[in-house]
Amino acid sequence: MKHYEILYIVNPNFERKKVDDTMKEIESRLKKTKSKVINHIIWGKKKLAYPIQEHRYGTYVLVHCSVADNSLLDEFNSWLKLSDLVIRHMIIRLDDEPEEIEKIDDKLNLEPSSEGQATEEATEEETKEETKEATEEETKEETEEATEEATEEKTKGVA
């Protein structure tokens, strides 16, 4: 048997029940390919590197499986491409059999990671501060120019 790792991204707006249903559907499809699912883990909601189908976040799910027939895996791959349940997926062949991972938390929070939010908020604050500083500098320069012009006009008017 060959071992594979499948990483797929689910719509970030799916509730936990919908994500669980998606996982069950994918598991049943894998079993139809005579595959044995070793691990099926939700990584959580993370920010995407670039927007996919107008989504900036996605719920990542990882599957480790052993496949007996590669032609059936190709069929599964085609089904995943056409499925509305998954917005992106990747299948990679592994050299060794993956270790079984215990489920740590069934009450996984599918909100975006606080790291991503904190970074995003910090970036927004930095942008606001930079804009504010640039605006203050422009206003100061404009005020100085207007003062110089007024001084020149007064000087011309006196002479």
N, C-alpha and C. Protein backbone atom coordinates (compact mmCIF):
# COMPACT_ATOMS: atom_id res chain seq x y z
N MET A 1 0.84 -1.20 0.00
CA MET A 1 0.00 0.00 0.00
C MET A 1 0.87 1.25 0.00
N LYS A 2 0.41 2.27 -0.71
CA LYS A 2 1.11 3.54 -0.75
C LYS A 2 0.43 4.49 0.23
N HIS A 3 1.22 5.37 0.79
CA HIS A 3 0.71 6.29 1.80
C HIS A 3 0.66 7.70 1.23
N TYR A 4 -0.44 8.41 1.55
CA TYR A 4 -0.64 9.75 1.03
C TYR A 4 -1.06 10.70 2.14
N GLU A 5 -0.75 11.97 1.89
CA GLU A 5 -1.20 13.05 2.77
C GLU A 5 -2.07 13.95 1.91
N ILE A 6 -3.27 14.21 2.37
CA ILE A 6 -4.20 15.08 1.65
C ILE A 6 -4.49 16.27 2.54
N LEU A 7 -4.21 17.44 2.03
CA LEU A 7 -4.53 18.67 2.75
C LEU A 7 -5.59 19.38 1.94
N TYR A 8 -6.71 19.69 2.57
CA TYR A 8 -7.75 20.42 1.86
C TYR A 8 -8.25 21.59 2.69
N ILE A 9 -8.75 22.58 1.97
CA ILE A 9 -9.24 23.81 2.61
C ILE A 9 -10.75 23.89 2.38
N VAL A 10 -11.46 24.08 3.48
CA VAL A 10 -12.92 24.16 3.45
C VAL A 10 -13.32 25.63 3.59
N ASN A 11 -14.47 25.95 3.05
CA ASN A 11 -15.03 27.30 3.15
C ASN A 11 -14.98 27.78 4.61
N PRO A 12 -14.42 28.96 4.87
CA PRO A 12 -14.27 29.43 6.25
C PRO A 12 -15.60 29.78 6.92
N ASN A 13 -16.65 29.91 6.15
CA ASN A 13 -17.94 30.27 6.72
C ASN A 13 -18.73 29.06 7.20
N PHE A 14 -18.21 27.86 6.94
CA PHE A 14 -18.88 26.64 7.41
C PHE A 14 -18.82 26.58 8.93
N GLU A 15 -19.95 26.19 9.54
CA GLU A 15 -19.98 25.95 10.98
C GLU A 15 -19.33 24.61 11.26
N ARG A 16 -19.08 24.31 12.52
CA ARG A 16 -18.39 23.07 12.90
C ARG A 16 -19.13 21.84 12.38
N LYS A 17 -20.45 21.85 12.45
CA LYS A 17 -21.24 20.70 11.99
C LYS A 17 -21.04 20.49 10.50
N LYS A 18 -21.01 21.55 9.72
CA LYS A 18 -20.83 21.45 8.28
C LYS A 18 -19.42 20.93 7.95
N VAL A 19 -18.42 21.38 8.72
CA VAL A 19 -17.04 20.90 8.53
C VAL A 19 -16.98 19.40 8.85
N ASP A 20 -17.65 18.98 9.94
CA ASP A 20 -17.69 17.56 10.29
C ASP A 20 -18.37 16.74 9.20
N ASP A 21 -19.48 17.26 8.64
CA ASP A 21 -20.17 16.57 7.55
C ASP A 21 -19.26 16.45 6.32
N THR A 22 -18.51 17.50 6.04
CA THR A 22 -17.57 17.48 4.92
C THR A 22 -16.50 16.42 5.14
N MET A 23 -15.98 16.37 6.37
CA MET A 23 -14.97 15.36 6.69
C MET A 23 -15.53 13.95 6.52
N LYS A 24 -16.77 13.73 6.97
CA LYS A 24 -17.40 12.41 6.83
C LYS A 24 -17.58 12.05 5.36
N GLU A 25 -17.99 13.02 4.57
CA GLU A 25 -18.19 12.79 3.13
C GLU A 25 -16.86 12.41 2.46
N ILE A 26 -15.81 13.13 2.79
CA ILE A 26 -14.49 12.85 2.21
C ILE A 26 -13.99 11.48 2.67
N GLU A 27 -14.21 11.17 3.94
CA GLU A 27 -13.80 9.86 4.46
C GLU A 27 -14.55 8.73 3.75
N SER A 28 -15.84 8.91 3.53
CA SER A 28 -16.62 7.86 2.85
C SER A 28 -16.16 7.71 1.40
N ARG A 29 -15.83 8.82 0.75
CA ARG A 29 -15.30 8.75 -0.62
C ARG A 29 -13.96 8.03 -0.65
N LEU A 30 -13.13 8.29 0.36
CA LEU A 30 -11.84 7.61 0.42
C LEU A 30 -12.02 6.10 0.65
N LYS A 31 -13.00 5.74 1.46
CA LYS A 31 -13.25 4.31 1.71
C LYS A 31 -13.74 3.60 0.45
N LYS A 32 -14.44 4.35 -0.42
CA LYS A 32 -14.87 3.77 -1.70
C LYS A 32 -13.67 3.46 -2.60
N THR A 33 -12.56 4.14 -2.37
CA THR A 33 -11.34 3.89 -3.15
C THR A 33 -10.50 2.78 -2.49
N LYS A 34 -11.09 2.09 -1.54
CA LYS A 34 -10.41 1.01 -0.80
C LYS A 34 -9.18 1.54 -0.06
N SER A 35 -9.34 2.71 0.52
CA SER A 35 -8.26 3.35 1.28
C SER A 35 -8.55 3.24 2.76
N LYS A 36 -7.47 3.24 3.53
CA LYS A 36 -7.60 3.22 4.98
C LYS A 36 -7.19 4.59 5.50
N VAL A 37 -8.11 5.28 6.17
CA VAL A 37 -7.81 6.61 6.74
C VAL A 37 -7.08 6.41 8.06
N ILE A 38 -5.88 6.98 8.15
CA ILE A 38 -5.07 6.86 9.36
C ILE A 38 -5.34 8.03 10.30
N ASN A 39 -5.27 9.23 9.76
CA ASN A 39 -5.54 10.46 10.53
C ASN A 39 -6.47 11.35 9.73
N HIS A 40 -7.33 12.06 10.43
CA HIS A 40 -8.20 13.07 9.80
C HIS A 40 -8.33 14.19 10.82
N ILE A 41 -7.55 15.25 10.64
CA ILE A 41 -7.39 16.28 11.67
C ILE A 41 -7.75 17.66 11.12
N ILE A 42 -8.47 18.43 11.92
CA ILE A 42 -8.73 19.83 11.58
C ILE A 42 -7.57 20.65 12.11
N TRP A 43 -6.88 21.34 11.23
CA TRP A 43 -5.80 22.24 11.66
C TRP A 43 -6.36 23.54 12.21
N GLY A 44 -7.48 23.96 11.66
CA GLY A 44 -8.09 25.20 12.14
C GLY A 44 -8.23 26.22 11.03
N LYS A 45 -8.77 27.36 11.40
CA LYS A 45 -9.01 28.43 10.44
C LYS A 45 -7.77 29.31 10.38
N LYS A 46 -7.25 29.49 9.17
CA LYS A 46 -6.02 30.26 8.98
C LYS A 46 -6.19 31.21 7.81
N LYS A 47 -5.39 32.25 7.81
CA LYS A 47 -5.41 33.21 6.71
C LYS A 47 -4.72 32.60 5.50
N LEU A 48 -5.32 32.77 4.33
CA LEU A 48 -4.76 32.25 3.10
C LEU A 48 -3.68 33.20 2.58
N ALA A 49 -2.72 32.67 1.84
CA ALA A 49 -1.65 33.48 1.28
C ALA A 49 -2.21 34.45 0.23
N TYR A 50 -3.26 34.03 -0.45
CA TYR A 50 -3.93 34.86 -1.44
C TYR A 50 -5.40 34.46 -1.47
N PRO A 51 -6.28 35.34 -1.91
CA PRO A 51 -7.71 35.01 -1.92
C PRO A 51 -8.02 33.85 -2.87
N ILE A 52 -8.85 32.94 -2.40
CA ILE A 52 -9.32 31.83 -3.23
C ILE A 52 -10.85 31.90 -3.22
N GLN A 53 -11.43 32.03 -4.39
CA GLN A 53 -12.88 32.17 -4.54
C GLN A 53 -13.41 33.27 -3.61
N GLU A 54 -12.69 34.37 -3.56
CA GLU A 54 -13.02 35.55 -2.76
C GLU A 54 -12.98 35.31 -1.25
N HIS A 55 -12.31 34.24 -0.80
CA HIS A 55 -12.13 33.96 0.62
C HIS A 55 -10.72 34.35 1.02
N ARG A 56 -10.58 35.02 2.16
CA ARG A 56 -9.26 35.38 2.67
C ARG A 56 -8.80 34.40 3.76
N TYR A 57 -9.76 33.63 4.31
CA TYR A 57 -9.45 32.63 5.32
C TYR A 57 -9.99 31.29 4.85
N GLY A 58 -9.49 30.22 5.45
CA GLY A 58 -9.98 28.89 5.13
C GLY A 58 -9.75 27.97 6.31
N THR A 59 -10.59 26.93 6.42
CA THR A 59 -10.42 25.94 7.46
C THR A 59 -9.62 24.79 6.86
N TYR A 60 -8.42 24.57 7.41
CA TYR A 60 -7.51 23.55 6.89
C TYR A 60 -7.79 22.21 7.56
N VAL A 61 -7.81 21.14 6.74
CA VAL A 61 -8.02 19.79 7.25
C VAL A 61 -6.96 18.87 6.63
N LEU A 62 -6.35 18.04 7.46
CA LEU A 62 -5.29 17.14 7.02
C LEU A 62 -5.75 15.69 7.13
N VAL A 63 -5.46 14.90 6.08
CA VAL A 63 -5.81 13.47 6.07
C VAL A 63 -4.56 12.68 5.72
N HIS A 64 -4.28 11.64 6.50
CA HIS A 64 -3.25 10.66 6.15
C HIS A 64 -4.00 9.37 5.81
N CYS A 65 -3.63 8.74 4.68
CA CYS A 65 -4.32 7.51 4.31
C CYS A 65 -3.39 6.57 3.56
N SER A 66 -3.79 5.31 3.55
CA SER A 66 -3.09 4.28 2.80
C SER A 66 -4.00 3.87 1.65
N VAL A 67 -3.45 3.86 0.43
CA VAL A 67 -4.26 3.61 -0.76
C VAL A 67 -3.77 2.34 -1.45
N ALA A 68 -4.71 1.48 -1.82
CA ALA A 68 -4.35 0.24 -2.49
C ALA A 68 -4.28 0.43 -4.01
N ASP A 69 -5.21 1.21 -4.56
CA ASP A 69 -5.30 1.35 -6.01
C ASP A 69 -5.18 2.82 -6.42
N ASN A 70 -4.11 3.15 -7.15
CA ASN A 70 -3.88 4.55 -7.54
C ASN A 70 -4.91 5.07 -8.53
N SER A 71 -5.46 4.21 -9.37
CA SER A 71 -6.47 4.68 -10.32
C SER A 71 -7.71 5.18 -9.59
N LEU A 72 -8.05 4.52 -8.50
CA LEU A 72 -9.19 4.99 -7.69
C LEU A 72 -8.87 6.30 -6.99
N LEU A 73 -7.60 6.50 -6.63
CA LEU A 73 -7.20 7.77 -6.02
C LEU A 73 -7.29 8.90 -7.04
N ASP A 74 -6.98 8.61 -8.30
CA ASP A 74 -7.13 9.62 -9.36
C ASP A 74 -8.60 10.01 -9.51
N GLU A 75 -9.47 9.04 -9.38
CA GLU A 75 -10.90 9.31 -9.45
C GLU A 75 -11.33 10.18 -8.26
N PHE A 76 -10.80 9.87 -7.08
CA PHE A 76 -11.08 10.67 -5.88
C PHE A 76 -10.58 12.11 -6.08
N ASN A 77 -9.39 12.26 -6.65
CA ASN A 77 -8.81 13.57 -6.91
C ASN A 77 -9.73 14.37 -7.85
N SER A 78 -10.24 13.73 -8.89
CA SER A 78 -11.16 14.40 -9.82
C SER A 78 -12.44 14.82 -9.11
N TRP A 79 -12.94 13.95 -8.23
CA TRP A 79 -14.15 14.29 -7.47
C TRP A 79 -13.90 15.51 -6.58
N LEU A 80 -12.72 15.54 -5.93
CA LEU A 80 -12.40 16.67 -5.05
C LEU A 80 -12.33 17.99 -5.84
N LYS A 81 -11.78 17.94 -7.04
CA LYS A 81 -11.68 19.14 -7.87
C LYS A 81 -13.05 19.70 -8.20
N LEU A 82 -14.01 18.81 -8.42
CA LEU A 82 -15.36 19.24 -8.81
C LEU A 82 -16.28 19.51 -7.62
N SER A 83 -15.86 19.09 -6.44
CA SER A 83 -16.70 19.22 -5.24
C SER A 83 -16.80 20.68 -4.79
N ASP A 84 -18.00 21.05 -4.35
CA ASP A 84 -18.22 22.39 -3.78
C ASP A 84 -17.83 22.44 -2.32
N LEU A 85 -17.58 21.28 -1.71
CA LEU A 85 -17.24 21.23 -0.29
C LEU A 85 -15.84 21.79 -0.02
N VAL A 86 -14.94 21.65 -0.98
CA VAL A 86 -13.54 22.00 -0.79
C VAL A 86 -13.18 23.14 -1.75
N ILE A 87 -12.47 24.17 -1.23
CA ILE A 87 -12.09 25.27 -2.12
C ILE A 87 -10.69 25.06 -2.71
N ARG A 88 -9.87 24.22 -2.08
CA ARG A 88 -8.54 23.89 -2.62
C ARG A 88 -8.04 22.63 -1.94
N HIS A 89 -7.28 21.80 -2.65
CA HIS A 89 -6.72 20.59 -2.04
C HIS A 89 -5.38 20.25 -2.66
N MET A 90 -4.64 19.39 -1.96
CA MET A 90 -3.34 18.93 -2.45
C MET A 90 -3.13 17.51 -1.93
N ILE A 91 -2.67 16.62 -2.82
CA ILE A 91 -2.40 15.24 -2.45
C ILE A 91 -0.91 14.98 -2.67
N ILE A 92 -0.25 14.48 -1.63
CA ILE A 92 1.19 14.22 -1.69
C ILE A 92 1.45 12.78 -1.27
N ARG A 93 2.33 12.11 -2.01
CA ARG A 93 2.71 10.74 -1.66
C ARG A 93 3.81 10.79 -0.60
N LEU A 94 3.65 9.98 0.43
CA LEU A 94 4.62 9.91 1.52
C LEU A 94 5.53 8.69 1.34
N ASP A 95 6.77 8.81 1.79
CA ASP A 95 7.71 7.69 1.72
C ASP A 95 7.41 6.64 2.79
N ASP A 96 7.10 7.09 3.99
CA ASP A 96 6.86 6.19 5.12
C ASP A 96 5.41 6.29 5.58
N GLU A 97 5.00 5.27 6.32
CA GLU A 97 3.65 5.30 6.88
C GLU A 97 3.58 6.35 7.97
N PRO A 98 2.58 7.23 7.93
CA PRO A 98 2.48 8.27 8.96
C PRO A 98 2.06 7.67 10.30
N GLU A 99 2.52 8.31 11.36
CA GLU A 99 2.12 7.87 12.70
C GLU A 99 0.70 8.32 12.98
N GLU A 100 0.00 7.52 13.78
CA GLU A 100 -1.35 7.88 14.14
C GLU A 100 -1.30 8.98 15.19
N ILE A 101 -2.08 10.03 14.96
CA ILE A 101 -2.10 11.18 15.87
C ILE A 101 -3.40 11.14 16.67
N GLU A 102 -3.27 11.30 17.98
CA GLU A 102 -4.44 11.30 18.84
C GLU A 102 -5.16 12.63 18.71
N LYS A 103 -6.50 12.57 18.78
CA LYS A 103 -7.27 13.81 18.77
C LYS A 103 -7.07 14.50 20.10
N ILE A 104 -6.67 15.77 20.03
CA ILE A 104 -6.38 16.52 21.25
C ILE A 104 -7.61 17.27 21.73
N ASP A 105 -8.28 17.97 20.82
CA ASP A 105 -9.39 18.83 21.22
C ASP A 105 -10.53 18.69 20.22
N ASP A 106 -11.65 18.14 20.68
CA ASP A 106 -12.82 18.05 19.81
C ASP A 106 -13.58 19.37 19.75
N LYS A 107 -13.34 20.24 20.71
CA LYS A 107 -14.03 21.53 20.76
C LYS A 107 -13.15 22.60 20.13
N LEU A 108 -12.66 22.31 18.94
CA LEU A 108 -11.74 23.21 18.25
C LEU A 108 -12.46 24.49 17.85
N ASN A 109 -11.81 25.60 18.11
CA ASN A 109 -12.36 26.90 17.74
C ASN A 109 -12.01 27.17 16.28
N LEU A 110 -13.01 27.34 15.45
CA LEU A 110 -12.77 27.57 14.03
C LEU A 110 -12.71 29.05 13.69
N GLU A 111 -12.34 29.88 14.66
CA GLU A 111 -12.14 31.30 14.40
C GLU A 111 -10.71 31.49 13.91
N PRO A 112 -10.44 32.58 13.18
CA PRO A 112 -9.06 32.81 12.72
C PRO A 112 -8.11 32.88 13.90
N SER A 113 -6.90 32.42 13.69
CA SER A 113 -5.92 32.41 14.77
C SER A 113 -5.68 33.83 15.26
N SER A 114 -5.48 33.97 16.57
CA SER A 114 -5.29 35.30 17.16
C SER A 114 -3.99 35.91 16.66
N GLU A 115 -3.01 35.08 16.30
CA GLU A 115 -1.75 35.60 15.75
C GLU A 115 -2.03 36.40 14.50
N GLY A 116 -2.80 35.80 13.58
CA GLY A 116 -3.11 36.47 12.31
C GLY A 116 -3.88 37.75 12.54
N GLN A 117 -4.84 37.72 13.47
CA GLN A 117 -5.63 38.90 13.75
C GLN A 117 -4.76 39.98 14.38
N ALA A 118 -3.89 39.59 15.31
CA ALA A 118 -3.03 40.57 15.97
C ALA A 118 -2.10 41.22 14.95
N THR A 119 -1.55 40.43 14.06
CA THR A 119 -0.66 40.97 13.04
C THR A 119 -1.42 41.90 12.12
N GLU A 120 -2.64 41.48 11.73
CA GLU A 120 -3.45 42.29 10.84
C GLU A 120 -3.80 43.62 11.52
N GLU A 121 -4.20 43.55 12.80
CA GLU A 121 -4.56 44.76 13.52
C GLU A 121 -3.35 45.66 13.68
N ALA A 122 -2.18 45.09 13.97
CA ALA A 122 -0.95 45.89 14.11
C ALA A 122 -0.61 46.56 12.80
N THR A 123 -0.76 45.85 11.70
CA THR A 123 -0.48 46.42 10.38
C THR A 123 -1.43 47.57 10.09
N GLU A 124 -2.72 47.39 10.42
CA GLU A 124 -3.70 48.45 10.21
C GLU A 124 -3.33 49.68 11.05
N GLU A 125 -2.95 49.46 12.31
CA GLU A 125 -2.58 50.58 13.18
C GLU A 125 -1.34 51.29 12.65
N GLU A 126 -0.34 50.52 12.19
CA GLU A 126 0.87 51.13 11.63
C GLU A 126 0.53 51.96 10.41
N THR A 127 -0.34 51.44 9.55
CA THR A 127 -0.74 52.16 8.34
C THR A 127 -1.45 53.46 8.72
N LYS A 128 -2.34 53.39 9.71
CA LYS A 128 -3.06 54.59 10.16
C LYS A 128 -2.08 55.62 10.71
N GLU A 129 -1.10 55.15 11.51
CA GLU A 129 -0.11 56.07 12.09
C GLU A 129 0.73 56.71 10.99
N GLU A 130 1.17 55.91 10.01
CA GLU A 130 1.98 56.44 8.91
C GLU A 130 1.19 57.47 8.12
N THR A 131 -0.09 57.18 7.86
CA THR A 131 -0.94 58.11 7.13
C THR A 131 -1.11 59.40 7.92
N LYS A 132 -1.33 59.25 9.22
CA LYS A 132 -1.51 60.42 10.08
C LYS A 132 -0.25 61.27 10.08
N GLU A 133 0.93 60.63 10.21
CA GLU A 133 2.20 61.36 10.22
C GLU A 133 2.42 62.08 8.89
N ALA A 134 2.14 61.38 7.79
CA ALA A 134 2.32 61.98 6.46
C ALA A 134 1.39 63.19 6.30
N THR A 135 0.16 63.05 6.76
CA THR A 135 -0.81 64.16 6.67
C THR A 135 -0.35 65.34 7.51
N GLU A 136 0.14 65.05 8.73
CA GLU A 136 0.64 66.12 9.60
C GLU A 136 1.81 66.84 8.97
N GLU A 137 2.74 66.10 8.34
CA GLU A 137 3.89 66.71 7.69
C GLU A 137 3.45 67.58 6.52
N GLU A 138 2.51 67.08 5.70
CA GLU A 138 2.02 67.86 4.57
C GLU A 138 1.35 69.14 5.06
N THR A 139 0.54 69.04 6.10
CA THR A 139 -0.15 70.21 6.66
C THR A 139 0.88 71.22 7.17
N LYS A 140 1.90 70.73 7.86
CA LYS A 140 2.95 71.61 8.39
C LYS A 140 3.68 72.32 7.26
N GLU A 141 4.02 71.56 6.19
CA GLU A 141 4.72 72.17 5.05
C GLU A 141 3.84 73.22 4.38
N GLU A 142 2.55 72.90 4.20
CA GLU A 142 1.62 73.85 3.57
C GLU A 142 1.50 75.11 4.42
N THR A 143 1.44 74.93 5.73
CA THR A 143 1.33 76.08 6.64
C THR A 143 2.58 76.95 6.53
N GLU A 144 3.76 76.34 6.51
CA GLU A 144 5.01 77.08 6.40
C GLU A 144 5.08 77.85 5.08
N GLU A 145 4.67 77.21 3.97
CA GLU A 145 4.66 77.86 2.66
C GLU A 145 3.71 79.05 2.66
N ALA A 146 2.53 78.85 3.23
CA ALA A 146 1.54 79.95 3.27
C ALA A 146 2.07 81.10 4.11
N THR A 147 2.76 80.80 5.22
CA THR A 147 3.33 81.83 6.09
C THR A 147 4.41 82.59 5.33
N GLU A 148 5.28 81.86 4.61
CA GLU A 148 6.34 82.52 3.84
C GLU A 148 5.75 83.43 2.77
N GLU A 149 4.71 82.96 2.05
CA GLU A 149 4.07 83.77 1.01
C GLU A 149 3.45 85.03 1.62
N ALA A 150 2.79 84.87 2.76
CA ALA A 150 2.17 86.03 3.40
C ALA A 150 3.23 87.02 3.84
N THR A 151 4.36 86.53 4.35
CA THR A 151 5.46 87.40 4.77
C THR A 151 6.03 88.15 3.58
N GLU A 152 6.20 87.46 2.44
CA GLU A 152 6.73 88.10 1.23
C GLU A 152 5.77 89.19 0.74
N GLU A 153 4.47 88.92 0.76
CA GLU A 153 3.49 89.90 0.30
C GLU A 153 3.51 91.14 1.20
N LYS A 154 3.65 90.94 2.50
CA LYS A 154 3.70 92.06 3.43
C LYS A 154 4.95 92.88 3.17
N THR A 155 6.04 92.16 2.93
CA THR A 155 7.31 92.85 2.68
C THR A 155 7.20 93.67 1.39
N LYS A 156 6.59 93.15 0.33
CA LYS A 156 6.43 93.86 -0.93
C LYS A 156 5.50 95.05 -0.74
N GLY A 157 4.46 94.85 0.05
CA GLY A 157 3.48 95.92 0.28
C GLY A 157 4.11 97.06 1.06
N VAL A 158 5.03 96.84 1.95
CA VAL A 158 5.68 97.85 2.77
C VAL A 158 6.69 98.62 1.93
N ALA A 159 7.39 97.95 1.02
CA ALA A 159 8.44 98.57 0.23
C ALA A 159 7.87 99.36 -0.86
